[in-house]
Each structure stands twice: as C-alpha cells, then as structure tokens.
C-alpha atoms as a PDB file:
ATOM      1  CA  MET A   1       7.609  -8.198 -19.374  1.00  0.00           C
ATOM      2  CA  THR A   2       9.746 -11.255 -19.859  1.00  0.00           C
ATOM      3  CA  GLY A   3      12.264 -10.929 -22.651  1.00  0.00           C
ATOM      4  CA  LEU A   4      12.542  -7.146 -22.522  1.00  0.00           C
ATOM      5  CA  SER A   5      15.977  -5.588 -22.430  1.00  0.00           C
ATOM      6  CA  LEU A   6      16.892  -2.886 -19.950  1.00  0.00           C
ATOM      7  CA  ASP A   7      16.678  -0.332 -22.766  1.00  0.00           C
ATOM      8  CA  ASP A   8      13.167  -1.591 -23.616  1.00  0.00           C
ATOM      9  CA  ILE A   9      12.095  -1.244 -19.999  1.00  0.00           C
ATOM     10  CA  LEU A  10      13.647   2.208 -19.608  1.00  0.00           C
ATOM     11  CA  SER A  11      11.832   3.413 -22.727  1.00  0.00           C
ATOM     12  CA  LEU A  12       8.397   2.572 -21.282  1.00  0.00           C
ATOM     13  CA  PRO A  13       6.415   5.749 -20.510  1.00  0.00           C
ATOM     14  CA  GLN A  14       5.686   4.702 -16.919  1.00  0.00           C
ATOM     15  CA  VAL A  15       9.372   4.136 -16.088  1.00  0.00           C
ATOM     16  CA  HIS A  16      11.325   7.085 -14.723  1.00  0.00           C
ATOM     17  CA  VAL A  17      14.922   6.683 -13.574  1.00  0.00           C
ATOM     18  CA  LYS A  18      16.918   9.599 -12.201  1.00  0.00           C
ATOM     19  CA  ASP A  19      20.368   7.964 -12.351  1.00  0.00           C
ATOM     20  CA  ILE A  20      20.661   5.217 -14.974  1.00  0.00           C
ATOM     21  CA  LYS A  21      24.302   4.456 -14.092  1.00  0.00           C
ATOM     22  CA  SER A  22      23.366   3.876 -10.455  1.00  0.00           C
ATOM     23  CA  LEU A  23      20.482   1.639 -11.551  1.00  0.00           C
ATOM     24  CA  THR A  24      22.662  -0.462 -13.855  1.00  0.00           C
ATOM     25  CA  ASP A  25      25.293  -0.810 -11.098  1.00  0.00           C
ATOM     26  CA  LYS A  26      22.621  -2.050  -8.679  1.00  0.00           C
ATOM     27  CA  LEU A  27      21.170  -4.460 -11.238  1.00  0.00           C
ATOM     28  CA  GLN A  28      24.662  -5.844 -11.837  1.00  0.00           C
ATOM     29  CA  LYS A  29      25.068  -6.434  -8.086  1.00  0.00           C
ATOM     30  CA  PHE A  30      21.679  -8.185  -7.981  1.00  0.00           C
ATOM     31  CA  THR A  31      22.728 -10.411 -10.863  1.00  0.00           C
ATOM     32  CA  THR A  32      26.117 -11.359  -9.432  1.00  0.00           C
ATOM     33  CA  GLY A  33      24.786 -11.713  -5.871  1.00  0.00           C
ATOM     34  CA  GLY A  34      22.106 -14.206  -6.856  1.00  0.00           C
ATOM     35  CA  ALA A  35      18.588 -14.727  -5.562  1.00  0.00           C
ATOM     36  CA  ASP A  36      19.742 -15.962  -2.165  1.00  0.00           C
ATOM     37  CA  GLN A  37      21.244 -12.524  -1.476  1.00  0.00           C
ATOM     38  CA  LEU A  38      18.160 -10.523  -2.487  1.00  0.00           C
ATOM     39  CA  MET A  39      15.610  -9.065  -0.084  1.00  0.00           C
ATOM     40  CA  VAL A  40      12.460  -7.430  -1.458  1.00  0.00           C
ATOM     41  CA  ILE A  41      11.200  -4.469   0.571  1.00  0.00           C
ATOM     42  CA  SER A  42       7.709  -3.351  -0.311  1.00  0.00           C
ATOM     43  CA  ASP A  43       4.499  -1.843   0.903  1.00  0.00           C
ATOM     44  CA  PHE A  44       1.549  -4.231   0.609  1.00  0.00           C
ATOM     45  CA  ASP A  45      -1.576  -2.165  -0.040  1.00  0.00           C
ATOM     46  CA  PHE A  46      -1.854  -1.235  -3.712  1.00  0.00           C
ATOM     47  CA  THR A  47       1.812  -2.071  -4.292  1.00  0.00           C
ATOM     48  CA  LEU A  48       1.805  -5.857  -4.161  1.00  0.00           C
ATOM     49  CA  SER A  49      -1.971  -5.800  -4.171  1.00  0.00           C
ATOM     50  CA  ARG A  50      -4.146  -4.311  -6.907  1.00  0.00           C
ATOM     51  CA  PHE A  51      -6.043  -1.019  -6.554  1.00  0.00           C
ATOM     52  CA  SER A  52      -8.965  -2.225  -8.666  1.00  0.00           C
ATOM     53  CA  ASP A  53     -10.170  -5.550  -9.998  1.00  0.00           C
ATOM     54  CA  LYS A  54     -10.778  -6.417 -13.658  1.00  0.00           C
ATOM     55  CA  SER A  55     -14.317  -5.019 -13.425  1.00  0.00           C
ATOM     56  CA  GLY A  56     -13.022  -1.672 -12.200  1.00  0.00           C
ATOM     57  CA  ASN A  57     -14.214  -2.169  -8.623  1.00  0.00           C
ATOM     58  CA  ARG A  58     -11.847  -0.887  -5.972  1.00  0.00           C
ATOM     59  CA  CYS A  59     -10.035  -3.681  -4.162  1.00  0.00           C
ATOM     60  CA  SER A  60      -9.727  -3.713  -0.400  1.00  0.00           C
ATOM     61  CA  SER A  61      -6.689  -2.592   1.516  1.00  0.00           C
ATOM     62  CA  CYS A  62      -5.565  -4.657   4.502  1.00  0.00           C
ATOM     63  CA  TYR A  63      -7.593  -2.771   7.062  1.00  0.00           C
ATOM     64  CA  CYS A  64     -10.594  -2.459   4.738  1.00  0.00           C
ATOM     65  CA  VAL A  65     -10.892  -6.212   5.160  1.00  0.00           C
ATOM     66  CA  PHE A  66     -12.374  -5.383   8.552  1.00  0.00           C
ATOM     67  CA  ASP A  67     -14.585  -2.585   7.207  1.00  0.00           C
ATOM     68  CA  SER A  68     -16.370  -4.846   4.753  1.00  0.00           C
ATOM     69  CA  ALA A  69     -16.258  -8.240   6.467  1.00  0.00           C
ATOM     70  CA  VAL A  70     -17.115  -7.086   9.968  1.00  0.00           C
ATOM     71  CA  GLY A  71     -20.102  -5.166   8.621  1.00  0.00           C
ATOM     72  CA  THR A  72     -21.953  -8.366   7.844  1.00  0.00           C
ATOM     73  CA  ASN A  73     -21.366  -9.809  11.324  1.00  0.00           C
ATOM     74  CA  ASN A  74     -21.196  -6.753  13.545  1.00  0.00           C
ATOM     75  CA  PRO A  75     -22.425  -3.411  12.165  1.00  0.00           C
ATOM     76  CA  GLU A  76     -21.294  -1.528  15.293  1.00  0.00           C
ATOM     77  CA  TRP A  77     -17.655  -2.531  14.760  1.00  0.00           C
ATOM     78  CA  CYS A  78     -17.991  -1.768  11.065  1.00  0.00           C
ATOM     79  CA  ARG A  79     -19.092   1.799  11.871  1.00  0.00           C
ATOM     80  CA  LYS A  80     -15.993   2.208  14.045  1.00  0.00           C
ATOM     81  CA  PHE A  81     -13.642   1.078  11.262  1.00  0.00           C
ATOM     82  CA  VAL A  82     -15.431   3.144   8.620  1.00  0.00           C
ATOM     83  CA  GLY A  83     -15.395   6.148  10.963  1.00  0.00           C
ATOM     84  CA  LEU A  84     -11.609   5.960  11.103  1.00  0.00           C
ATOM     85  CA  TYR A  85     -11.486   5.781   7.309  1.00  0.00           C
ATOM     86  CA  HIS A  86     -13.663   8.883   6.986  1.00  0.00           C
ATOM     87  CA  LYS A  87     -11.505  10.698   9.537  1.00  0.00           C
ATOM     88  CA  TYR A  88      -8.082   9.796   8.131  1.00  0.00           C
ATOM     89  CA  GLY A  89      -8.705   8.849   4.488  1.00  0.00           C
ATOM     90  CA  PRO A  90      -9.064  12.463   3.309  1.00  0.00           C
ATOM     91  CA  ILE A  91      -5.766  13.326   5.017  1.00  0.00           C
ATOM     92  CA  GLU A  92      -4.018  10.407   3.309  1.00  0.00           C
ATOM     93  CA  HIS A  93      -5.199  11.594  -0.111  1.00  0.00           C
ATOM     94  CA  ASP A  94      -4.739  15.348   0.468  1.00  0.00           C
ATOM     95  CA  HIS A  95      -2.127  16.427  -2.095  1.00  0.00           C
ATOM     96  CA  SER A  96      -1.656  19.783  -0.352  1.00  0.00           C
ATOM     97  CA  LEU A  97      -0.034  18.046   2.635  1.00  0.00           C
ATOM     98  CA  SER A  98       3.556  16.823   2.621  1.00  0.00           C
ATOM     99  CA  ILE A  99       4.404  13.262   3.593  1.00  0.00           C
ATOM    100  CA  GLU A 100       5.944  14.613   6.790  1.00  0.00           C
ATOM    101  CA  GLU A 101       2.652  16.322   7.661  1.00  0.00           C
ATOM    102  CA  LYS A 102       0.659  13.154   6.926  1.00  0.00           C
ATOM    103  CA  VAL A 103       2.820  10.702   8.878  1.00  0.00           C
ATOM    104  CA  PRO A 104       1.489  11.481  12.382  1.00  0.00           C
ATOM    105  CA  PHE A 105      -2.087  11.099  11.141  1.00  0.00           C
ATOM    106  CA  MET A 106      -1.330   7.845   9.320  1.00  0.00           C
ATOM    107  CA  GLU A 107       0.391   6.471  12.419  1.00  0.00           C
ATOM    108  CA  ALA A 108      -2.621   7.455  14.539  1.00  0.00           C
ATOM    109  CA  TRP A 109      -4.926   5.766  12.008  1.00  0.00           C
ATOM    110  CA  TRP A 110      -2.897   2.586  12.075  1.00  0.00           C
ATOM    111  CA  GLN A 111      -2.715   2.615  15.878  1.00  0.00           C
ATOM    112  CA  GLN A 112      -6.443   3.207  16.321  1.00  0.00           C
ATOM    113  CA  SER A 113      -7.329   0.544  13.721  1.00  0.00           C
ATOM    114  CA  HIS A 114      -5.026  -1.944  15.363  1.00  0.00           C
ATOM    115  CA  GLU A 115      -6.523  -1.143  18.783  1.00  0.00           C
ATOM    116  CA  LEU A 116     -10.013  -1.784  17.379  1.00  0.00           C
ATOM    117  CA  ILE A 117      -8.872  -5.168  16.069  1.00  0.00           C
ATOM    118  CA  ILE A 118      -7.480  -6.045  19.503  1.00  0.00           C
ATOM    119  CA  GLN A 119     -10.546  -4.703  21.359  1.00  0.00           C
ATOM    120  CA  GLY A 120     -12.797  -6.656  19.031  1.00  0.00           C
ATOM    121  CA  GLY A 121     -11.054  -9.858  20.055  1.00  0.00           C
ATOM    122  CA  PHE A 122     -10.736 -10.997  16.450  1.00  0.00           C
ATOM    123  CA  LYS A 123      -9.144 -14.440  16.374  1.00  0.00           C
ATOM    124  CA  LYS A 124      -7.047 -15.960  13.613  1.00  0.00           C
ATOM    125  CA  GLN A 125      -9.998 -17.968  12.264  1.00  0.00           C
ATOM    126  CA  ALA A 126     -12.111 -14.807  11.952  1.00  0.00           C
ATOM    127  CA  ILE A 127      -9.282 -13.007  10.143  1.00  0.00           C
ATOM    128  CA  ASP A 128      -8.895 -16.035   7.844  1.00  0.00           C
ATOM    129  CA  ASP A 129     -12.622 -15.876   7.051  1.00  0.00           C
ATOM    130  CA  TYR A 130     -12.524 -12.123   6.412  1.00  0.00           C
ATOM    131  CA  VAL A 131      -9.531 -12.485   4.083  1.00  0.00           C
ATOM    132  CA  ALA A 132     -11.227 -15.345   2.231  1.00  0.00           C
ATOM    133  CA  HIS A 133     -14.239 -13.131   1.503  1.00  0.00           C
ATOM    134  CA  CYS A 134     -12.519  -9.811   0.796  1.00  0.00           C
ATOM    135  CA  ASN A 135     -11.656  -8.280  -2.538  1.00  0.00           C
ATOM    136  CA  ILE A 136      -7.869  -8.224  -2.278  1.00  0.00           C
ATOM    137  CA  GLN A 137      -6.019  -9.308  -5.383  1.00  0.00           C
ATOM    138  CA  LEU A 138      -2.318  -9.382  -6.042  1.00  0.00           C
ATOM    139  CA  ARG A 139      -0.793  -7.650  -9.041  1.00  0.00           C
ATOM    140  CA  GLN A 140       0.866 -10.813 -10.314  1.00  0.00           C
ATOM    141  CA  LYS A 141      -0.968 -12.584 -13.100  1.00  0.00           C
ATOM    142  CA  SER A 142      -1.116 -15.737 -11.062  1.00  0.00           C
ATOM    143  CA  ALA A 143      -0.527 -16.806  -7.489  1.00  0.00           C
ATOM    144  CA  ASP A 144       1.961 -19.381  -8.761  1.00  0.00           C
ATOM    145  CA  LYS A 145       4.251 -16.622 -10.013  1.00  0.00           C
ATOM    146  CA  LEU A 146       4.125 -14.858  -6.661  1.00  0.00           C
ATOM    147  CA  VAL A 147       4.816 -18.050  -4.778  1.00  0.00           C
ATOM    148  CA  ASP A 148       7.608 -19.142  -7.105  1.00  0.00           C
ATOM    149  CA  LYS A 149       9.327 -15.787  -7.484  1.00  0.00           C
ATOM    150  CA  TYR A 150       8.934 -14.356  -4.008  1.00  0.00           C
ATOM    151  CA  LEU A 151       7.987 -16.807  -1.311  1.00  0.00           C
ATOM    152  CA  HIS A 152      10.491 -19.475  -2.307  1.00  0.00           C
ATOM    153  CA  TYR A 153      13.445 -17.327  -3.372  1.00  0.00           C
ATOM    154  CA  PHE A 154      13.390 -13.960  -1.628  1.00  0.00           C
ATOM    155  CA  ASP A 155      12.953 -12.564   1.844  1.00  0.00           C
ATOM    156  CA  ILE A 156      10.007 -10.168   1.870  1.00  0.00           C
ATOM    157  CA  VAL A 157       9.825  -7.192   4.186  1.00  0.00           C
ATOM    158  CA  LEU A 158       6.570  -5.241   4.044  1.00  0.00           C
ATOM    159  CA  VAL A 159       6.844  -1.646   5.202  1.00  0.00           C
ATOM    160  CA  ASP A 160       4.143   0.734   6.428  1.00  0.00           C
ATOM    161  CA  ASP A 161       1.789  -2.106   7.382  1.00  0.00           C
ATOM    162  CA  GLN A 162       3.155  -2.318  10.918  1.00  0.00           C
ATOM    163  CA  SER A 163       0.893  -5.239  11.696  1.00  0.00           C
ATOM    164  CA  MET A 164       1.656  -8.179   9.467  1.00  0.00           C
ATOM    165  CA  ASP A 165      -1.546 -10.042  10.405  1.00  0.00           C
ATOM    166  CA  ILE A 166      -3.550  -9.274   7.277  1.00  0.00           C
ATOM    167  CA  PRO A 167      -0.699  -9.427   4.703  1.00  0.00           C
ATOM    168  CA  ASN A 168       0.406 -12.736   6.238  1.00  0.00           C
ATOM    169  CA  GLN A 169      -3.133 -14.134   6.024  1.00  0.00           C
ATOM    170  CA  ILE A 170      -3.428 -13.013   2.402  1.00  0.00           C
ATOM    171  CA  LEU A 171      -0.101 -14.574   1.425  1.00  0.00           C
ATOM    172  CA  GLU A 172      -0.965 -17.771   3.325  1.00  0.00           C
ATOM    173  CA  ALA A 173      -4.353 -17.974   1.574  1.00  0.00           C
ATOM    174  CA  ILE A 174      -2.698 -17.569  -1.827  1.00  0.00           C
ATOM    175  CA  TYR A 175      -0.083 -20.165  -0.966  1.00  0.00           C
ATOM    176  CA  ALA A 176      -2.768 -22.614   0.219  1.00  0.00           C
ATOM    177  CA  LYS A 177      -4.739 -22.186  -3.020  1.00  0.00           C
ATOM    178  CA  SER A 178      -1.606 -22.661  -5.113  1.00  0.00           C
ATOM    179  CA  TYR A 179      -0.149 -25.734  -3.424  1.00  0.00           C
END
C-alpha cells in the first residue's frame, strides 16, 4: 500500500472510518511525534498473524501450537488442549453472544490452557521446537518488513494474549531467520 494517499486508503472497500476528522488529527500527531513516540497495540492471533496460508490451510493460533505440536510427542496432552478448544471455541465464534458474555469464557479458556502448559512442564526449548514446526505466519509480506518497521522502531504491546510466551517465541524465530 506504499504510495497511496489517505483519500486512496479511505476509498478502499474494506476501510471504514466513523470520524475522518478525528482520524486525520491522530495521523497528524503520529507524523509530528515521530516513530520514537509511537506504540503499537495489537492482538497477535489473526491480527499480526495470518488466518490462512497461501494454500488456504488455516494457520495456527498461539495456543494451537500446543494442540498440533504436542500431539506428535504426547497424545494425552494433545487431547487436553483440543478438549479445551472444543469446549470454548464454539463460544468464541457464537455471534449470538455479546463480547461481554464471551469474556468470562475466554478468560477461563486462557487460564486453563496456561495451566496445562505449566502442568506439562514445557520448557523454552520445547516451545521453540513447537513454534519452529507450527503453521503460524505473519501478515507482512516478509519478516524483514516486520523487523524493520516494528521491532526496531516501535514498542509493541500485544493484548488479549495474556501470556507472551508464544508470541515472543514467534517474533524471536522470525528475527533469528532475518538477521
């Protein structure tokens, strides 16, 4: 999208802005403040990372790294992770529920998943191996762009993923491959 004007971007069908004046004011502050004053706040799963790969296969979310990778080494633990997905996944994707109604279930899911990771005694090396073999891809066209634009210039705060273990491992793996 390099070289597009703000009007070009706003005219794209996937772009919806409620208050254009407020947006332009914020963009002006970003521009005058400079990169050293900018903090990016984002979710990780399917926001920075892709939902599907180029072949149309669904990519993994952070916790799905354990579902798929653990299954090859320890089917019992895999069943536990997948069981949580089957319990909470339908709630997450239920459009009849409000966000407020979903939040307690999503927090319980996160807590129970995190407890399984702790109970399983997964060490950093195991997490590194799982991340190396999972199907998580970032939306950026290349890891270099992510590293250059985000890791070197901006603070990144990832929300919703209360445990930063997996996102950190993914970003570290990308950084290691790039440099």
